[in-house]
């Protein structure tokens, strides 16, 4: 059976949601697909990570591999219902059927339902689901990749779930998550694609006033605003992110600032840092 042959590092949610696009993105105009391939690699990783967290419902998200490569070389691992899901994150400009098959077989080896056990390949993390997330959009008139995906899903049926997230799929998944779109691509994209005006950023409680300098120093200031944004609609996720910030501040020696977050978060209905 497969064993964990590489220890994944915990991925700080506070670091994930603090990634910001620095280069310019194309204006939405008549576009109907998010320009995922134009994002900087760490920002595309954030987009996939937030999709895992807030759309797919993953917890205990961890990362392994090298972050920030030209093609986006960070792989992400999440847990759901006690099972491990692996996401390969590749900010590539195009995807061929052969590249899709290679990504799957390099990770999984041959299907175990069709292969004698002595020939099974070790799989990292004993995953039950493999997702390839790419920044490109599949060509509408090219069914070859879709056909290859279906063939792989059939081949690995009963062994490993296989999914493909491209720019079109991510755009569809995020239709109900305009705050992710606005935070990553800017509010004009949320308005153009979904007709939604994002609400003004929530005012931070007075107890948070002294947090500005240490959070800026730690490059975590956007994470606090993101937690406040989530507090009404997703209090448990807001509390998870707040807890991450508490640990960041504590490890950096800002105990008083960490306590300010604990105090402020007690006002989040249904959430707790205790």
C-alpha atoms as a PDB file:
ATOM      1  CA  UNK A   1       0.000   0.000   0.000  1.00  0.00           C
ATOM      2  CA  UNK A   2       1.063   3.583  -0.543  1.00  0.00           C
ATOM      3  CA  UNK A   3       2.816   5.424   2.240  1.00  0.00           C
ATOM      4  CA  UNK A   4       3.485   9.102   2.844  1.00  0.00           C
ATOM      5  CA  UNK A   5       6.965   9.395   1.365  1.00  0.00           C
ATOM      6  CA  UNK A   6       7.221  13.175   1.577  1.00  0.00           C
ATOM      7  CA  UNK A   7       6.101  15.163   4.598  1.00  0.00           C
ATOM      8  CA  UNK A   8       3.900  18.032   3.384  1.00  0.00           C
ATOM      9  CA  UNK A   9       4.354  21.377   5.063  1.00  0.00           C
ATOM     10  CA  UNK A  10       1.345  23.072   6.659  1.00  0.00           C
ATOM     11  CA  UNK A  11       0.126  25.819   4.364  1.00  0.00           C
ATOM     12  CA  UNK A  12      -0.740  28.925   6.333  1.00  0.00           C
ATOM     13  CA  UNK A  13      -4.185  30.083   5.273  1.00  0.00           C
ATOM     14  CA  UNK A  14      -3.158  33.574   6.331  1.00  0.00           C
ATOM     15  CA  UNK A  15      -0.262  33.450   3.851  1.00  0.00           C
ATOM     16  CA  UNK A  16      -2.424  31.929   1.136  1.00  0.00           C
ATOM     17  CA  UNK A  17      -5.138  34.596   1.199  1.00  0.00           C
ATOM     18  CA  UNK A  18      -2.594  37.417   1.510  1.00  0.00           C
ATOM     19  CA  UNK A  19      -1.135  36.801  -1.943  1.00  0.00           C
ATOM     20  CA  UNK A  20      -1.869  39.771  -4.206  1.00  0.00           C
ATOM     21  CA  UNK A  21      -1.551  40.298  -7.928  1.00  0.00           C
ATOM     22  CA  UNK A  22       1.079  42.959  -8.637  1.00  0.00           C
ATOM     23  CA  UNK A  23       1.096  42.885 -12.436  1.00  0.00           C
ATOM     24  CA  UNK A  24      -1.801  44.211 -14.499  1.00  0.00           C
ATOM     25  CA  UNK A  25      -4.625  41.956 -15.630  1.00  0.00           C
ATOM     26  CA  UNK A  26      -6.628  42.445 -18.823  1.00  0.00           C
ATOM     27  CA  UNK A  27      -9.865  44.436 -18.376  1.00  0.00           C
ATOM     28  CA  UNK A  28     -13.007  42.299 -18.399  1.00  0.00           C
ATOM     29  CA  UNK A  29     -14.692  44.002 -21.383  1.00  0.00           C
ATOM     30  CA  UNK A  30     -16.617  41.215 -23.137  1.00  0.00           C
ATOM     31  CA  UNK A  31     -14.668  38.381 -21.515  1.00  0.00           C
ATOM     32  CA  UNK A  32     -16.663  35.618 -19.834  1.00  0.00           C
ATOM     33  CA  UNK A  33     -13.787  33.556 -18.428  1.00  0.00           C
ATOM     34  CA  UNK A  34     -11.496  34.602 -15.597  1.00  0.00           C
ATOM     35  CA  UNK A  35      -7.909  35.233 -16.805  1.00  0.00           C
ATOM     36  CA  UNK A  36      -6.406  32.582 -14.528  1.00  0.00           C
ATOM     37  CA  UNK A  37      -3.381  32.126 -16.783  1.00  0.00           C
ATOM     38  CA  UNK A  38      -2.444  35.795 -16.357  1.00  0.00           C
ATOM     39  CA  UNK A  39      -2.109  35.522 -12.580  1.00  0.00           C
ATOM     40  CA  UNK A  40       1.303  35.390 -10.949  1.00  0.00           C
ATOM     41  CA  UNK A  41       2.057  31.792  -9.837  1.00  0.00           C
ATOM     42  CA  UNK A  42       1.559  32.458  -6.082  1.00  0.00           C
ATOM     43  CA  UNK A  43      -1.749  34.208  -6.809  1.00  0.00           C
ATOM     44  CA  UNK A  44      -2.989  31.316  -8.952  1.00  0.00           C
ATOM     45  CA  UNK A  45      -2.047  29.050  -6.052  1.00  0.00           C
ATOM     46  CA  UNK A  46      -4.184  31.266  -3.831  1.00  0.00           C
ATOM     47  CA  UNK A  47      -7.115  30.971  -6.258  1.00  0.00           C
ATOM     48  CA  UNK A  48      -6.923  27.173  -6.261  1.00  0.00           C
ATOM     49  CA  UNK A  49      -6.361  27.068  -2.500  1.00  0.00           C
ATOM     50  CA  UNK A  50      -9.398  29.233  -1.756  1.00  0.00           C
ATOM     51  CA  UNK A  51     -11.448  27.092  -4.141  1.00  0.00           C
ATOM     52  CA  UNK A  52     -10.346  24.004  -2.206  1.00  0.00           C
ATOM     53  CA  UNK A  53     -11.149  25.651   1.103  1.00  0.00           C
ATOM     54  CA  UNK A  54     -14.388  27.530   0.442  1.00  0.00           C
ATOM     55  CA  UNK A  55     -15.915  25.669  -2.522  1.00  0.00           C
ATOM     56  CA  UNK A  56     -14.707  22.066  -2.155  1.00  0.00           C
ATOM     57  CA  UNK A  57     -14.872  22.187   1.657  1.00  0.00           C
ATOM     58  CA  UNK A  58     -11.335  20.967   2.310  1.00  0.00           C
ATOM     59  CA  UNK A  59      -9.639  21.440   5.659  1.00  0.00           C
ATOM     60  CA  UNK A  60      -6.101  20.964   6.950  1.00  0.00           C
ATOM     61  CA  UNK A  61      -4.746  22.285   3.652  1.00  0.00           C
ATOM     62  CA  UNK A  62      -1.050  21.615   3.194  1.00  0.00           C
ATOM     63  CA  UNK A  63       1.469  22.248   0.462  1.00  0.00           C
ATOM     64  CA  UNK A  64       4.392  20.348  -0.956  1.00  0.00           C
ATOM     65  CA  UNK A  65       6.756  20.947  -3.853  1.00  0.00           C
ATOM     66  CA  UNK A  66       8.202  24.316  -4.782  1.00  0.00           C
ATOM     67  CA  UNK A  67       6.022  27.404  -4.763  1.00  0.00           C
ATOM     68  CA  UNK A  68       6.273  30.181  -7.326  1.00  0.00           C
ATOM     69  CA  UNK A  69       7.753  28.354 -10.305  1.00  0.00           C
ATOM     70  CA  UNK A  70       6.953  29.755 -13.745  1.00  0.00           C
ATOM     71  CA  UNK A  71       4.220  27.182 -14.251  1.00  0.00           C
ATOM     72  CA  UNK A  72       3.053  27.259 -10.643  1.00  0.00           C
ATOM     73  CA  UNK A  73       4.884  24.358  -9.030  1.00  0.00           C
ATOM     74  CA  UNK A  74       3.051  24.091  -5.721  1.00  0.00           C
ATOM     75  CA  UNK A  75       0.859  21.061  -5.103  1.00  0.00           C
ATOM     76  CA  UNK A  76      -1.848  21.253  -2.467  1.00  0.00           C
ATOM     77  CA  UNK A  77      -3.299  18.587  -0.207  1.00  0.00           C
ATOM     78  CA  UNK A  78      -6.615  18.805   1.608  1.00  0.00           C
ATOM     79  CA  UNK A  79      -8.628  16.593   3.914  1.00  0.00           C
ATOM     80  CA  UNK A  80     -12.372  15.988   3.768  1.00  0.00           C
ATOM     81  CA  UNK A  81     -14.345  13.398   5.703  1.00  0.00           C
ATOM     82  CA  UNK A  82     -11.058  11.907   6.860  1.00  0.00           C
ATOM     83  CA  UNK A  83      -9.759  11.331   3.327  1.00  0.00           C
ATOM     84  CA  UNK A  84      -6.931  13.023   1.432  1.00  0.00           C
ATOM     85  CA  UNK A  85      -7.366  14.913  -1.842  1.00  0.00           C
ATOM     86  CA  UNK A  86      -4.371  16.047  -3.917  1.00  0.00           C
ATOM     87  CA  UNK A  87      -4.410  19.057  -6.236  1.00  0.00           C
ATOM     88  CA  UNK A  88      -1.648  19.625  -8.764  1.00  0.00           C
ATOM     89  CA  UNK A  89      -1.433  23.358  -9.525  1.00  0.00           C
ATOM     90  CA  UNK A  90      -0.045  24.232 -12.953  1.00  0.00           C
ATOM     91  CA  UNK A  91      -0.311  27.721 -14.398  1.00  0.00           C
ATOM     92  CA  UNK A  92       0.275  26.570 -17.979  1.00  0.00           C
ATOM     93  CA  UNK A  93      -0.813  28.164 -21.264  1.00  0.00           C
ATOM     94  CA  UNK A  94      -2.224  25.004 -22.856  1.00  0.00           C
ATOM     95  CA  UNK A  95      -3.010  21.396 -21.983  1.00  0.00           C
ATOM     96  CA  UNK A  96      -2.755  18.414 -24.300  1.00  0.00           C
ATOM     97  CA  UNK A  97      -4.334  14.979 -23.792  1.00  0.00           C
ATOM     98  CA  UNK A  98      -0.858  13.504 -23.409  1.00  0.00           C
ATOM     99  CA  UNK A  99       0.065  16.043 -20.704  1.00  0.00           C
ATOM    100  CA  UNK A 100      -3.144  15.256 -18.811  1.00  0.00           C
ATOM    101  CA  UNK A 101      -2.455  11.510 -18.923  1.00  0.00           C
ATOM    102  CA  UNK A 102       1.152  12.046 -17.857  1.00  0.00           C
ATOM    103  CA  UNK A 103       0.082  14.145 -14.861  1.00  0.00           C
ATOM    104  CA  UNK A 104      -2.288  11.396 -13.713  1.00  0.00           C
ATOM    105  CA  UNK A 105      -0.011   8.424 -14.331  1.00  0.00           C
ATOM    106  CA  UNK A 106       3.058  10.132 -12.848  1.00  0.00           C
ATOM    107  CA  UNK A 107       1.123  10.560  -9.627  1.00  0.00           C
ATOM    108  CA  UNK A 108      -0.998   7.425  -9.555  1.00  0.00           C
ATOM    109  CA  UNK A 109       0.768   4.798 -11.641  1.00  0.00           C
ATOM    110  CA  UNK A 110      -1.482   2.261 -13.389  1.00  0.00           C
ATOM    111  CA  UNK A 111      -5.063   1.787 -12.157  1.00  0.00           C
ATOM    112  CA  UNK A 112      -5.025  -0.545  -9.170  1.00  0.00           C
ATOM    113  CA  UNK A 113      -8.327  -2.120 -10.153  1.00  0.00           C
ATOM    114  CA  UNK A 114      -6.650  -3.372 -13.337  1.00  0.00           C
ATOM    115  CA  UNK A 115      -3.160  -4.106 -12.025  1.00  0.00           C
ATOM    116  CA  UNK A 116      -1.866  -6.911  -9.761  1.00  0.00           C
ATOM    117  CA  UNK A 117      -1.007  -5.561  -6.318  1.00  0.00           C
ATOM    118  CA  UNK A 118       2.743  -6.316  -6.574  1.00  0.00           C
ATOM    119  CA  UNK A 119       2.853  -3.867  -9.518  1.00  0.00           C
ATOM    120  CA  UNK A 120       1.126  -0.995  -7.718  1.00  0.00           C
ATOM    121  CA  UNK A 121       3.025   2.280  -7.619  1.00  0.00           C
ATOM    122  CA  UNK A 122       3.419   4.121  -4.340  1.00  0.00           C
ATOM    123  CA  UNK A 123       1.124   7.131  -4.120  1.00  0.00           C
ATOM    124  CA  UNK A 124       1.806  10.115  -1.963  1.00  0.00           C
ATOM    125  CA  UNK A 125      -0.552  10.627   0.942  1.00  0.00           C
ATOM    126  CA  UNK A 126      -2.793   7.650   0.052  1.00  0.00           C
ATOM    127  CA  UNK A 127      -5.086  10.072  -1.788  1.00  0.00           C
ATOM    128  CA  UNK A 128      -8.610   9.169  -2.895  1.00  0.00           C
ATOM    129  CA  UNK A 129      -8.937  12.060  -5.361  1.00  0.00           C
ATOM    130  CA  UNK A 130      -6.557  13.749  -7.810  1.00  0.00           C
ATOM    131  CA  UNK A 131      -7.311  17.182  -9.285  1.00  0.00           C
ATOM    132  CA  UNK A 132      -5.214  18.856 -11.967  1.00  0.00           C
ATOM    133  CA  UNK A 133      -5.793  22.625 -11.760  1.00  0.00           C
ATOM    134  CA  UNK A 134      -4.510  24.583 -14.760  1.00  0.00           C
ATOM    135  CA  UNK A 135      -4.598  28.292 -15.573  1.00  0.00           C
ATOM    136  CA  UNK A 136      -5.488  27.801 -19.233  1.00  0.00           C
ATOM    137  CA  UNK A 137      -8.915  27.387 -20.788  1.00  0.00           C
ATOM    138  CA  UNK A 138      -9.660  24.272 -22.805  1.00  0.00           C
ATOM    139  CA  UNK A 139     -10.476  25.039 -26.417  1.00  0.00           C
ATOM    140  CA  UNK A 140     -14.231  24.905 -26.994  1.00  0.00           C
ATOM    141  CA  UNK A 141     -13.918  23.052 -30.302  1.00  0.00           C
ATOM    142  CA  UNK A 142     -11.240  20.635 -29.095  1.00  0.00           C
ATOM    143  CA  UNK A 143     -12.776  17.613 -27.381  1.00  0.00           C
ATOM    144  CA  UNK A 144      -9.541  15.610 -27.226  1.00  0.00           C
ATOM    145  CA  UNK A 145      -8.686  16.635 -23.650  1.00  0.00           C
ATOM    146  CA  UNK A 146     -12.259  16.016 -22.475  1.00  0.00           C
ATOM    147  CA  UNK A 147     -12.233  12.608 -24.144  1.00  0.00           C
ATOM    148  CA  UNK A 148      -8.926  11.784 -22.443  1.00  0.00           C
ATOM    149  CA  UNK A 149     -10.312  12.898 -19.069  1.00  0.00           C
ATOM    150  CA  UNK A 150     -13.338  10.626 -19.446  1.00  0.00           C
ATOM    151  CA  UNK A 151     -11.080   7.734 -20.475  1.00  0.00           C
ATOM    152  CA  UNK A 152      -8.897   8.263 -17.399  1.00  0.00           C
ATOM    153  CA  UNK A 153     -11.931   8.511 -15.121  1.00  0.00           C
ATOM    154  CA  UNK A 154     -13.218   5.231 -16.527  1.00  0.00           C
ATOM    155  CA  UNK A 155      -9.832   3.549 -16.175  1.00  0.00           C
ATOM    156  CA  UNK A 156      -9.413   4.612 -12.529  1.00  0.00           C
ATOM    157  CA  UNK A 157     -13.063   4.086 -11.524  1.00  0.00           C
ATOM    158  CA  UNK A 158     -13.202   2.490  -8.080  1.00  0.00           C
ATOM    159  CA  UNK A 159      -9.561   3.350  -7.463  1.00  0.00           C
ATOM    160  CA  UNK A 160      -8.960   7.122  -7.702  1.00  0.00           C
ATOM    161  CA  UNK A 161     -11.283  10.026  -8.496  1.00  0.00           C
ATOM    162  CA  UNK A 162      -9.829  12.250 -11.218  1.00  0.00           C
ATOM    163  CA  UNK A 163     -10.917  15.788 -12.021  1.00  0.00           C
ATOM    164  CA  UNK A 164      -9.672  18.675 -14.152  1.00  0.00           C
ATOM    165  CA  UNK A 165     -10.101  22.323 -13.138  1.00  0.00           C
ATOM    166  CA  UNK A 166      -9.352  24.739 -15.981  1.00  0.00           C
ATOM    167  CA  UNK A 167     -10.112  28.460 -16.187  1.00  0.00           C
ATOM    168  CA  UNK A 168     -13.644  27.775 -17.380  1.00  0.00           C
ATOM    169  CA  UNK A 169     -14.381  25.373 -14.528  1.00  0.00           C
ATOM    170  CA  UNK A 170     -12.902  27.737 -11.937  1.00  0.00           C
ATOM    171  CA  UNK A 171     -15.023  30.577 -13.339  1.00  0.00           C
ATOM    172  CA  UNK A 172     -18.116  28.408 -12.922  1.00  0.00           C
ATOM    173  CA  UNK A 173     -17.214  27.230  -9.414  1.00  0.00           C
ATOM    174  CA  UNK A 174     -16.675  30.808  -8.220  1.00  0.00           C
ATOM    175  CA  UNK A 175     -20.016  32.128  -9.433  1.00  0.00           C
ATOM    176  CA  UNK A 176     -21.296  31.962  -5.861  1.00  0.00           C
ATOM    177  CA  UNK A 177     -18.024  33.280  -4.412  1.00  0.00           C
ATOM    178  CA  UNK A 178     -17.660  36.830  -5.762  1.00  0.00           C
ATOM    179  CA  UNK A 179     -15.454  37.793  -2.821  1.00  0.00           C
ATOM    180  CA  UNK A 180     -12.771  35.379  -4.067  1.00  0.00           C
ATOM    181  CA  UNK A 181     -13.051  36.797  -7.583  1.00  0.00           C
ATOM    182  CA  UNK A 182     -12.918  40.360  -6.304  1.00  0.00           C
ATOM    183  CA  UNK A 183     -10.012  39.645  -3.979  1.00  0.00           C
ATOM    184  CA  UNK A 184      -7.919  37.936  -6.655  1.00  0.00           C
ATOM    185  CA  UNK A 185      -8.916  39.629  -9.918  1.00  0.00           C
ATOM    186  CA  UNK A 186     -10.430  42.898  -8.692  1.00  0.00           C
ATOM    187  CA  UNK A 187     -14.041  44.057  -8.201  1.00  0.00           C
ATOM    188  CA  UNK A 188     -14.492  44.949 -11.874  1.00  0.00           C
ATOM    189  CA  UNK A 189     -14.188  41.259 -12.795  1.00  0.00           C
ATOM    190  CA  UNK A 190     -16.804  40.265 -10.213  1.00  0.00           C
ATOM    191  CA  UNK A 191     -19.152  42.877 -11.643  1.00  0.00           C
ATOM    192  CA  UNK A 192     -18.488  42.018 -15.294  1.00  0.00           C
ATOM    193  CA  UNK A 193     -18.870  38.251 -14.953  1.00  0.00           C
ATOM    194  CA  UNK A 194     -21.549  38.010 -12.296  1.00  0.00           C
ATOM    195  CA  UNK A 195     -23.211  41.441 -12.272  1.00  0.00           C
ATOM    196  CA  UNK A 196     -22.341  41.803  -8.606  1.00  0.00           C
ATOM    197  CA  UNK A 197     -21.221  44.926  -6.825  1.00  0.00           C
ATOM    198  CA  UNK A 198     -18.962  43.855  -4.000  1.00  0.00           C
ATOM    199  CA  UNK A 199     -19.787  45.444  -0.649  1.00  0.00           C
ATOM    200  CA  UNK A 200     -17.318  47.857   0.852  1.00  0.00           C
ATOM    201  CA  UNK A 201     -14.611  46.247   2.927  1.00  0.00           C
ATOM    202  CA  UNK A 202     -15.918  45.808   6.476  1.00  0.00           C
ATOM    203  CA  UNK A 203     -14.636  48.182   9.095  1.00  0.00           C
ATOM    204  CA  UNK A 204     -12.356  46.446  11.536  1.00  0.00           C
ATOM    205  CA  UNK A 205     -13.332  46.468  15.218  1.00  0.00           C
ATOM    206  CA  UNK A 206     -11.558  49.009  17.408  1.00  0.00           C
ATOM    207  CA  UNK A 207      -9.724  46.164  19.131  1.00  0.00           C
ATOM    208  CA  UNK A 208      -7.884  45.523  15.864  1.00  0.00           C
ATOM    209  CA  UNK A 209      -6.551  49.059  15.462  1.00  0.00           C
ATOM    210  CA  UNK A 210      -3.112  48.202  16.868  1.00  0.00           C
ATOM    211  CA  UNK A 211      -2.676  45.260  14.482  1.00  0.00           C
ATOM    212  CA  UNK A 212      -1.770  47.252  11.385  1.00  0.00           C
ATOM    213  CA  UNK A 213       1.997  47.451  11.849  1.00  0.00           C
ATOM    214  CA  UNK A 214       2.730  43.826  12.875  1.00  0.00           C
ATOM    215  CA  UNK A 215       0.427  42.388  10.214  1.00  0.00           C
ATOM    216  CA  UNK A 216       1.990  44.583   7.542  1.00  0.00           C
ATOM    217  CA  UNK A 217       5.410  43.479   8.770  1.00  0.00           C
ATOM    218  CA  UNK A 218       4.370  39.830   8.478  1.00  0.00           C
ATOM    219  CA  UNK A 219       2.653  40.380   5.076  1.00  0.00           C
ATOM    220  CA  UNK A 220      -0.621  39.206   6.624  1.00  0.00           C
ATOM    221  CA  UNK A 221      -2.745  42.384   6.572  1.00  0.00           C
ATOM    222  CA  UNK A 222      -5.030  41.116   3.744  1.00  0.00           C
ATOM    223  CA  UNK A 223      -5.805  37.984   5.755  1.00  0.00           C
ATOM    224  CA  UNK A 224      -7.449  39.963   8.562  1.00  0.00           C
ATOM    225  CA  UNK A 225      -9.690  41.801   6.112  1.00  0.00           C
ATOM    226  CA  UNK A 226     -10.552  38.465   4.446  1.00  0.00           C
ATOM    227  CA  UNK A 227     -11.523  36.961   7.807  1.00  0.00           C
ATOM    228  CA  UNK A 228     -13.788  39.903   8.585  1.00  0.00           C
ATOM    229  CA  UNK A 229     -15.345  39.555   5.137  1.00  0.00           C
ATOM    230  CA  UNK A 230     -16.112  35.885   5.810  1.00  0.00           C
ATOM    231  CA  UNK A 231     -17.340  36.349   9.380  1.00  0.00           C
ATOM    232  CA  UNK A 232     -21.041  36.774   8.557  1.00  0.00           C
ATOM    233  CA  UNK A 233     -21.526  34.181   5.812  1.00  0.00           C
ATOM    234  CA  UNK A 234     -18.879  31.637   6.845  1.00  0.00           C
ATOM    235  CA  UNK A 235     -18.079  32.087  10.564  1.00  0.00           C
ATOM    236  CA  UNK A 236     -16.266  28.761  10.944  1.00  0.00           C
ATOM    237  CA  UNK A 237     -13.922  29.561   8.058  1.00  0.00           C
ATOM    238  CA  UNK A 238     -13.422  33.080   9.448  1.00  0.00           C
ATOM    239  CA  UNK A 239     -12.481  31.579  12.811  1.00  0.00           C
ATOM    240  CA  UNK A 240     -10.063  29.172  11.108  1.00  0.00           C
ATOM    241  CA  UNK A 241      -8.325  32.075   9.412  1.00  0.00           C
ATOM    242  CA  UNK A 242      -8.307  34.136  12.620  1.00  0.00           C
ATOM    243  CA  UNK A 243      -6.727  31.218  14.474  1.00  0.00           C
ATOM    244  CA  UNK A 244      -4.029  31.108  11.839  1.00  0.00           C
ATOM    245  CA  UNK A 245      -3.348  34.820  12.363  1.00  0.00           C
ATOM    246  CA  UNK A 246      -3.190  34.309  16.131  1.00  0.00           C
ATOM    247  CA  UNK A 247      -0.510  31.663  15.625  1.00  0.00           C
ATOM    248  CA  UNK A 248       1.394  33.882  13.168  1.00  0.00           C
ATOM    249  CA  UNK A 249       1.444  36.783  15.626  1.00  0.00           C
ATOM    250  CA  UNK A 250       2.291  34.581  18.600  1.00  0.00           C
ATOM    251  CA  UNK A 251       5.209  32.915  16.830  1.00  0.00           C
ATOM    252  CA  UNK A 252       6.529  36.353  15.850  1.00  0.00           C
ATOM    253  CA  UNK A 253       6.358  37.561  19.466  1.00  0.00           C
ATOM    254  CA  UNK A 254       3.278  39.777  19.164  1.00  0.00           C
ATOM    255  CA  UNK A 255       1.319  38.218  22.029  1.00  0.00           C
ATOM    256  CA  UNK A 256      -0.740  41.347  22.775  1.00  0.00           C
ATOM    257  CA  UNK A 257      -1.746  41.621  19.139  1.00  0.00           C
ATOM    258  CA  UNK A 258      -2.696  37.938  19.059  1.00  0.00           C
ATOM    259  CA  UNK A 259      -4.918  38.520  22.093  1.00  0.00           C
ATOM    260  CA  UNK A 260      -6.620  41.406  20.293  1.00  0.00           C
ATOM    261  CA  UNK A 261      -7.682  38.986  17.556  1.00  0.00           C
ATOM    262  CA  UNK A 262      -8.957  36.495  20.131  1.00  0.00           C
ATOM    263  CA  UNK A 263     -11.059  39.207  21.777  1.00  0.00           C
ATOM    264  CA  UNK A 264     -12.404  40.499  18.480  1.00  0.00           C
ATOM    265  CA  UNK A 265     -13.262  37.059  17.159  1.00  0.00           C
ATOM    266  CA  UNK A 266     -15.510  36.289  20.138  1.00  0.00           C
ATOM    267  CA  UNK A 267     -18.029  38.531  18.400  1.00  0.00           C
ATOM    268  CA  UNK A 268     -18.145  36.143  15.396  1.00  0.00           C
ATOM    269  CA  UNK A 269     -21.372  34.186  15.819  1.00  0.00           C
ATOM    270  CA  UNK A 270     -20.762  30.462  15.917  1.00  0.00           C
ATOM    271  CA  UNK A 271     -16.977  30.822  15.793  1.00  0.00           C
ATOM    272  CA  UNK A 272     -14.372  30.415  18.469  1.00  0.00           C
ATOM    273  CA  UNK A 273     -10.619  30.393  18.802  1.00  0.00           C
ATOM    274  CA  UNK A 274     -10.614  28.512  22.069  1.00  0.00           C
END
